[in-house]
């Protein structure tokens, strides 16, 4: 099992959290998704190796941005 953590901007309410959970949850191999609009943190647990880019794409496709570490 693998856990990935993303810092996301643009989440302002529980509705935003649910949109992110649904978008990521629809990907193959995802076990769980936690999203917190207060902290901007999204935690994803997968049953198998999944490309980080696929999750990032699912987030950005619905209008949110990923904060990249420099």
PDB file of N, CA and C in Angstrom:
ATOM      1  N   UNK A   1       0.841  -1.170   0.000  1.00  0.00           N
ATOM      2  CA  UNK A   1       0.000   0.000   0.000  1.00  0.00           C
ATOM      3  C   UNK A   1       0.891   1.240   0.000  1.00  0.00           C
ATOM      4  N   UNK A   2       0.442   2.255  -0.686  1.00  0.00           N
ATOM      5  CA  UNK A   2       1.215   3.482  -0.811  1.00  0.00           C
ATOM      6  C   UNK A   2       0.363   4.669  -0.403  1.00  0.00           C
ATOM      7  N   UNK A   3       0.962   5.615   0.350  1.00  0.00           N
ATOM      8  CA  UNK A   3       0.257   6.840   0.713  1.00  0.00           C
ATOM      9  C   UNK A   3       0.975   8.022   0.082  1.00  0.00           C
ATOM     10  N   UNK A   4       0.208   8.854  -0.616  1.00  0.00           N
ATOM     11  CA  UNK A   4       0.743  10.060  -1.237  1.00  0.00           C
ATOM     12  C   UNK A   4       0.039  11.264  -0.635  1.00  0.00           C
ATOM     13  N   UNK A   5       0.793  12.346  -0.450  1.00  0.00           N
ATOM     14  CA  UNK A   5       0.236  13.565   0.129  1.00  0.00           C
ATOM     15  C   UNK A   5       0.440  14.712  -0.847  1.00  0.00           C
ATOM     16  N   UNK A   6      -0.619  15.491  -1.033  1.00  0.00           N
ATOM     17  CA  UNK A   6      -0.593  16.628  -1.944  1.00  0.00           C
ATOM     18  C   UNK A   6      -1.029  17.871  -1.195  1.00  0.00           C
ATOM     19  N   UNK A   7      -0.425  19.003  -1.519  1.00  0.00           N
ATOM     20  CA  UNK A   7      -0.870  20.314  -1.022  1.00  0.00           C
ATOM     21  C   UNK A   7      -1.646  20.942  -2.165  1.00  0.00           C
ATOM     22  N   UNK A   8      -2.914  21.261  -1.908  1.00  0.00           N
ATOM     23  CA  UNK A   8      -3.822  21.729  -2.951  1.00  0.00           C
ATOM     24  C   UNK A   8      -4.371  23.107  -2.580  1.00  0.00           C
ATOM     25  N   UNK A   9      -4.388  24.012  -3.562  1.00  0.00           N
ATOM     26  CA  UNK A   9      -5.002  25.318  -3.336  1.00  0.00           C
ATOM     27  C   UNK A   9      -6.344  25.365  -4.043  1.00  0.00           C
ATOM     28  N   UNK A  10      -7.234  26.197  -3.495  1.00  0.00           N
ATOM     29  CA  UNK A  10      -8.542  26.374  -4.111  1.00  0.00           C
ATOM     30  C   UNK A  10      -9.679  25.680  -3.385  1.00  0.00           C
ATOM     31  N   UNK A  11      -9.359  24.800  -2.436  1.00  0.00           N
ATOM     32  CA  UNK A  11     -10.423  24.154  -1.658  1.00  0.00           C
ATOM     33  C   UNK A  11     -10.909  25.150  -0.605  1.00  0.00           C
ATOM     34  N   UNK A  12     -12.203  25.457  -0.621  1.00  0.00           N
ATOM     35  CA  UNK A  12     -12.730  26.424   0.337  1.00  0.00           C
ATOM     36  C   UNK A  12     -13.879  25.878   1.190  1.00  0.00           C
ATOM     37  N   UNK A  13     -14.342  24.665   0.876  1.00  0.00           N
ATOM     38  CA  UNK A  13     -15.490  24.128   1.611  1.00  0.00           C
ATOM     39  C   UNK A  13     -15.519  22.597   1.507  1.00  0.00           C
ATOM     40  N   UNK A  14     -16.485  22.008   2.185  1.00  0.00           N
ATOM     41  CA  UNK A  14     -16.640  20.557   2.132  1.00  0.00           C
ATOM     42  C   UNK A  14     -17.030  20.082   0.736  1.00  0.00           C
ATOM     43  N   UNK A  15     -17.725  20.910   0.006  1.00  0.00           N
ATOM     44  CA  UNK A  15     -18.081  20.562  -1.373  1.00  0.00           C
ATOM     45  C   UNK A  15     -16.830  20.374  -2.224  1.00  0.00           C
ATOM     46  N   UNK A  16     -15.849  21.242  -2.009  1.00  0.00           N
ATOM     47  CA  UNK A  16     -14.567  21.111  -2.726  1.00  0.00           C
ATOM     48  C   UNK A  16     -13.886  19.801  -2.344  1.00  0.00           C
ATOM     49  N   UNK A  17     -13.905  19.501  -1.053  1.00  0.00           N
ATOM     50  CA  UNK A  17     -13.317  18.241  -0.580  1.00  0.00           C
ATOM     51  C   UNK A  17     -13.972  17.063  -1.291  1.00  0.00           C
ATOM     52  N   UNK A  18     -15.290  17.080  -1.375  1.00  0.00           N
ATOM     53  CA  UNK A  18     -16.017  15.970  -2.000  1.00  0.00           C
ATOM     54  C   UNK A  18     -15.712  15.850  -3.485  1.00  0.00           C
ATOM     55  N   UNK A  19     -15.568  16.981  -4.176  1.00  0.00           N
ATOM     56  CA  UNK A  19     -15.210  16.933  -5.602  1.00  0.00           C
ATOM     57  C   UNK A  19     -13.854  16.256  -5.792  1.00  0.00           C
ATOM     58  N   UNK A  20     -12.902  16.607  -4.932  1.00  0.00           N
ATOM     59  CA  UNK A  20     -11.573  16.000  -5.025  1.00  0.00           C
ATOM     60  C   UNK A  20     -11.638  14.515  -4.688  1.00  0.00           C
ATOM     61  N   UNK A  21     -12.354  14.170  -3.629  1.00  0.00           N
ATOM     62  CA  UNK A  21     -12.484  12.761  -3.241  1.00  0.00           C
ATOM     63  C   UNK A  21     -13.095  11.934  -4.368  1.00  0.00           C
ATOM     64  N   UNK A  22     -14.131  12.464  -5.007  1.00  0.00           N
ATOM     65  CA  UNK A  22     -14.794  11.739  -6.095  1.00  0.00           C
ATOM     66  C   UNK A  22     -13.895  11.600  -7.313  1.00  0.00           C
ATOM     67  N   UNK A  23     -13.175  12.656  -7.665  1.00  0.00           N
ATOM     68  CA  UNK A  23     -12.300  12.616  -8.842  1.00  0.00           C
ATOM     69  C   UNK A  23     -11.160  11.620  -8.657  1.00  0.00           C
ATOM     70  N   UNK A  24     -10.527  11.654  -7.496  1.00  0.00           N
ATOM     71  CA  UNK A  24      -9.412  10.736  -7.245  1.00  0.00           C
ATOM     72  C   UNK A  24      -9.931   9.324  -7.004  1.00  0.00           C
ATOM     73  N   UNK A  25     -11.034   9.213  -6.285  1.00  0.00           N
ATOM     74  CA  UNK A  25     -11.609   7.904  -5.978  1.00  0.00           C
ATOM     75  C   UNK A  25     -12.024   7.119  -7.205  1.00  0.00           C
ATOM     76  N   UNK A  26     -12.269   7.823  -8.315  1.00  0.00           N
ATOM     77  CA  UNK A  26     -12.663   7.151  -9.557  1.00  0.00           C
ATOM     78  C   UNK A  26     -11.486   6.480 -10.259  1.00  0.00           C
ATOM     79  N   UNK A  27     -10.269   6.792  -9.839  1.00  0.00           N
ATOM     80  CA  UNK A  27      -9.085   6.185 -10.454  1.00  0.00           C
ATOM     81  C   UNK A  27      -8.914   4.752  -9.980  1.00  0.00           C
ATOM     82  N   UNK A  28      -8.416   3.915 -10.855  1.00  0.00           N
ATOM     83  CA  UNK A  28      -8.182   2.506 -10.539  1.00  0.00           C
ATOM     84  C   UNK A  28      -7.102   2.362  -9.480  1.00  0.00           C
ATOM     85  N   UNK A  29      -7.367   1.551  -8.470  1.00  0.00           N
ATOM     86  CA  UNK A  29      -6.373   1.237  -7.449  1.00  0.00           C
ATOM     87  C   UNK A  29      -6.401   2.123  -6.220  1.00  0.00           C
ATOM     88  N   UNK A  30      -7.304   3.105  -6.175  1.00  0.00           N
ATOM     89  CA  UNK A  30      -7.377   4.002  -5.029  1.00  0.00           C
ATOM     90  C   UNK A  30      -8.170   3.333  -3.908  1.00  0.00           C
ATOM     91  N   UNK A  31      -7.567   3.305  -2.727  1.00  0.00           N
ATOM     92  CA  UNK A  31      -8.242   2.706  -1.573  1.00  0.00           C
ATOM     93  C   UNK A  31      -8.998   3.767  -0.767  1.00  0.00           C
ATOM     94  N   UNK A  32      -8.351   4.912  -0.516  1.00  0.00           N
ATOM     95  CA  UNK A  32      -9.019   5.970   0.239  1.00  0.00           C
ATOM     96  C   UNK A  32      -8.445   7.329  -0.129  1.00  0.00           C
ATOM     97  N   UNK A  33      -9.285   8.347   0.097  1.00  0.00           N
ATOM     98  CA  UNK A  33      -8.883   9.730  -0.149  1.00  0.00           C
ATOM     99  C   UNK A  33      -9.387  10.571   1.016  1.00  0.00           C
ATOM    100  N   UNK A  34      -8.495  11.359   1.596  1.00  0.00           N
ATOM    101  CA  UNK A  34      -8.867  12.320   2.625  1.00  0.00           C
ATOM    102  C   UNK A  34      -8.510  13.702   2.101  1.00  0.00           C
ATOM    103  N   UNK A  35      -9.437  14.643   2.200  1.00  0.00           N
ATOM    104  CA  UNK A  35      -9.176  16.013   1.772  1.00  0.00           C
ATOM    105  C   UNK A  35      -9.636  16.959   2.872  1.00  0.00           C
ATOM    106  N   UNK A  36      -8.806  17.947   3.190  1.00  0.00           N
ATOM    107  CA  UNK A  36      -9.127  18.916   4.237  1.00  0.00           C
ATOM    108  C   UNK A  36      -8.967  20.321   3.677  1.00  0.00           C
ATOM    109  N   UNK A  37     -10.088  21.025   3.516  1.00  0.00           N
ATOM    110  CA  UNK A  37     -10.015  22.368   2.940  1.00  0.00           C
ATOM    111  C   UNK A  37      -9.365  23.374   3.883  1.00  0.00           C
ATOM    112  N   UNK A  38      -9.359  23.093   5.179  1.00  0.00           N
ATOM    113  CA  UNK A  38      -8.723  23.995   6.136  1.00  0.00           C
ATOM    114  C   UNK A  38      -7.199  24.003   6.001  1.00  0.00           C
ATOM    115  N   UNK A  39      -6.627  22.847   5.733  1.00  0.00           N
ATOM    116  CA  UNK A  39      -5.171  22.738   5.620  1.00  0.00           C
ATOM    117  C   UNK A  39      -4.700  22.680   4.173  1.00  0.00           C
ATOM    118  N   UNK A  40      -5.611  22.340   3.256  1.00  0.00           N
ATOM    119  CA  UNK A  40      -5.233  22.184   1.856  1.00  0.00           C
ATOM    120  C   UNK A  40      -4.526  20.871   1.571  1.00  0.00           C
ATOM    121  N   UNK A  41      -4.605  19.938   2.509  1.00  0.00           N
ATOM    122  CA  UNK A  41      -3.914  18.661   2.368  1.00  0.00           C
ATOM    123  C   UNK A  41      -4.861  17.588   1.832  1.00  0.00           C
ATOM    124  N   UNK A  42      -4.362  16.844   0.858  1.00  0.00           N
ATOM    125  CA  UNK A  42      -5.078  15.685   0.314  1.00  0.00           C
ATOM    126  C   UNK A  42      -4.173  14.472   0.490  1.00  0.00           C
ATOM    127  N   UNK A  43      -4.692  13.451   1.183  1.00  0.00           N
ATOM    128  CA  UNK A  43      -3.956  12.204   1.389  1.00  0.00           C
ATOM    129  C   UNK A  43      -4.635  11.099   0.599  1.00  0.00           C
ATOM    130  N   UNK A  44      -3.832  10.387  -0.169  1.00  0.00           N
ATOM    131  CA  UNK A  44      -4.357   9.329  -1.026  1.00  0.00           C
ATOM    132  C   UNK A  44      -3.656   8.017  -0.682  1.00  0.00           C
ATOM    133  N   UNK A  45      -4.443   6.996  -0.436  1.00  0.00           N
ATOM    134  CA  UNK A  45      -3.900   5.659  -0.198  1.00  0.00           C
ATOM    135  C   UNK A  45      -4.334   4.771  -1.345  1.00  0.00           C
ATOM    136  N   UNK A  46      -3.364   4.067  -1.923  1.00  0.00           N
ATOM    137  CA  UNK A  46      -3.676   3.205  -3.063  1.00  0.00           C
ATOM    138  C   UNK A  46      -3.288   1.764  -2.764  1.00  0.00           C
ATOM    139  N   UNK A  47      -3.980   0.840  -3.427  1.00  0.00           N
ATOM    140  CA  UNK A  47      -3.701  -0.580  -3.280  1.00  0.00           C
ATOM    141  C   UNK A  47      -2.501  -1.015  -4.099  1.00  0.00           C
ATOM    142  N   UNK A  48      -2.164  -0.220  -5.105  1.00  0.00           N
ATOM    143  CA  UNK A  48      -1.056  -0.568  -5.980  1.00  0.00           C
ATOM    144  C   UNK A  48      -0.333   0.706  -6.371  1.00  0.00           C
ATOM    145  N   UNK A  49       0.798   0.540  -7.024  1.00  0.00           N
ATOM    146  CA  UNK A  49       1.534   1.710  -7.490  1.00  0.00           C
ATOM    147  C   UNK A  49       0.689   2.468  -8.499  1.00  0.00           C
ATOM    148  N   UNK A  50       0.514   3.733  -8.254  1.00  0.00           N
ATOM    149  CA  UNK A  50      -0.215   4.589  -9.180  1.00  0.00           C
ATOM    150  C   UNK A  50       0.661   5.817  -9.422  1.00  0.00           C
ATOM    151  N   UNK A  51       0.690   6.249 -10.632  1.00  0.00           N
ATOM    152  CA  UNK A  51       1.533   7.387 -10.964  1.00  0.00           C
ATOM    153  C   UNK A  51       0.999   8.652 -10.293  1.00  0.00           C
ATOM    154  N   UNK A  52       1.893   9.344  -9.611  1.00  0.00           N
ATOM    155  CA  UNK A  52       1.545  10.590  -8.940  1.00  0.00           C
ATOM    156  C   UNK A  52       0.905  11.576  -9.928  1.00  0.00           C
ATOM    157  N   UNK A  53       1.403  11.552 -11.153  1.00  0.00           N
ATOM    158  CA  UNK A  53       0.903  12.473 -12.176  1.00  0.00           C
ATOM    159  C   UNK A  53      -0.574  12.236 -12.492  1.00  0.00           C
ATOM    160  N   UNK A  54      -1.021  10.984 -12.422  1.00  0.00           N
ATOM    161  CA  UNK A  54      -2.443  10.691 -12.695  1.00  0.00           C
ATOM    162  C   UNK A  54      -3.338  11.327 -11.626  1.00  0.00           C
ATOM    163  N   UNK A  55      -2.887  11.281 -10.387  1.00  0.00           N
ATOM    164  CA  UNK A  55      -3.661  11.893  -9.303  1.00  0.00           C
ATOM    165  C   UNK A  55      -3.642  13.408  -9.446  1.00  0.00           C
ATOM    166  N   UNK A  56      -2.467  13.964  -9.742  1.00  0.00           N
ATOM    167  CA  UNK A  56      -2.363  15.403  -9.935  1.00  0.00           C
ATOM    168  C   UNK A  56      -3.274  15.862 -11.076  1.00  0.00           C
ATOM    169  N   UNK A  57      -3.325  15.084 -12.142  1.00  0.00           N
ATOM    170  CA  UNK A  57      -4.172  15.417 -13.279  1.00  0.00           C
ATOM    171  C   UNK A  57      -5.648  15.401 -12.895  1.00  0.00           C
ATOM    172  N   UNK A  58      -6.048  14.420 -12.086  1.00  0.00           N
ATOM    173  CA  UNK A  58      -7.440  14.341 -11.633  1.00  0.00           C
ATOM    174  C   UNK A  58      -7.805  15.578 -10.815  1.00  0.00           C
ATOM    175  N   UNK A  59      -6.859  16.084 -10.025  1.00  0.00           N
ATOM    176  CA  UNK A  59      -7.098  17.270  -9.195  1.00  0.00           C
ATOM    177  C   UNK A  59      -7.167  18.526 -10.058  1.00  0.00           C
ATOM    178  N   UNK A  60      -6.221  18.693 -10.965  1.00  0.00           N
ATOM    179  CA  UNK A  60      -6.181  19.912 -11.778  1.00  0.00           C
ATOM    180  C   UNK A  60      -7.312  19.938 -12.809  1.00  0.00           C
ATOM    181  N   UNK A  61      -7.745  18.780 -13.277  1.00  0.00           N
ATOM    182  CA  UNK A  61      -8.831  18.722 -14.258  1.00  0.00           C
ATOM    183  C   UNK A  61     -10.149  19.280 -13.713  1.00  0.00           C
ATOM    184  N   UNK A  62     -10.321  19.270 -12.397  1.00  0.00           N
ATOM    185  CA  UNK A  62     -11.564  19.798 -11.816  1.00  0.00           C
ATOM    186  C   UNK A  62     -11.369  21.207 -11.246  1.00  0.00           C
ATOM    187  N   UNK A  63     -10.219  21.828 -11.565  1.00  0.00           N
ATOM    188  CA  UNK A  63     -10.055  23.244 -11.261  1.00  0.00           C
ATOM    189  C   UNK A  63      -9.234  23.614 -10.054  1.00  0.00           C
ATOM    190  N   UNK A  64      -8.559  22.661  -9.453  1.00  0.00           N
ATOM    191  CA  UNK A  64      -7.711  22.964  -8.302  1.00  0.00           C
ATOM    192  C   UNK A  64      -6.250  22.936  -8.727  1.00  0.00           C
ATOM    193  N   UNK A  65      -5.389  23.522  -7.898  1.00  0.00           N
ATOM    194  CA  UNK A  65      -3.964  23.567  -8.230  1.00  0.00           C
ATOM    195  C   UNK A  65      -3.156  22.810  -7.182  1.00  0.00           C
ATOM    196  N   UNK A  66      -2.094  22.181  -7.657  1.00  0.00           N
ATOM    197  CA  UNK A  66      -1.156  21.478  -6.784  1.00  0.00           C
ATOM    198  C   UNK A  66      -0.026  22.437  -6.446  1.00  0.00           C
ATOM    199  N   UNK A  67       0.322  22.524  -5.171  1.00  0.00           N
ATOM    200  CA  UNK A  67       1.465  23.332  -4.746  1.00  0.00           C
ATOM    201  C   UNK A  67       2.692  22.446  -4.844  1.00  0.00           C
ATOM    202  N   UNK A  68       3.651  22.860  -5.661  1.00  0.00           N
ATOM    203  CA  UNK A  68       4.887  22.095  -5.851  1.00  0.00           C
ATOM    204  C   UNK A  68       5.959  22.613  -4.905  1.00  0.00           C
ATOM    205  N   UNK A  69       6.688  21.679  -4.301  1.00  0.00           N
ATOM    206  CA  UNK A  69       7.833  22.062  -3.477  1.00  0.00           C
ATOM    207  C   UNK A  69       8.968  22.480  -4.395  1.00  0.00           C
ATOM    208  N   UNK A  70       9.607  23.577  -4.046  1.00  0.00           N
ATOM    209  CA  UNK A  70      10.740  24.036  -4.862  1.00  0.00           C
ATOM    210  C   UNK A  70      12.027  23.386  -4.436  1.00  0.00           C
TER     211      UNK A  70
END
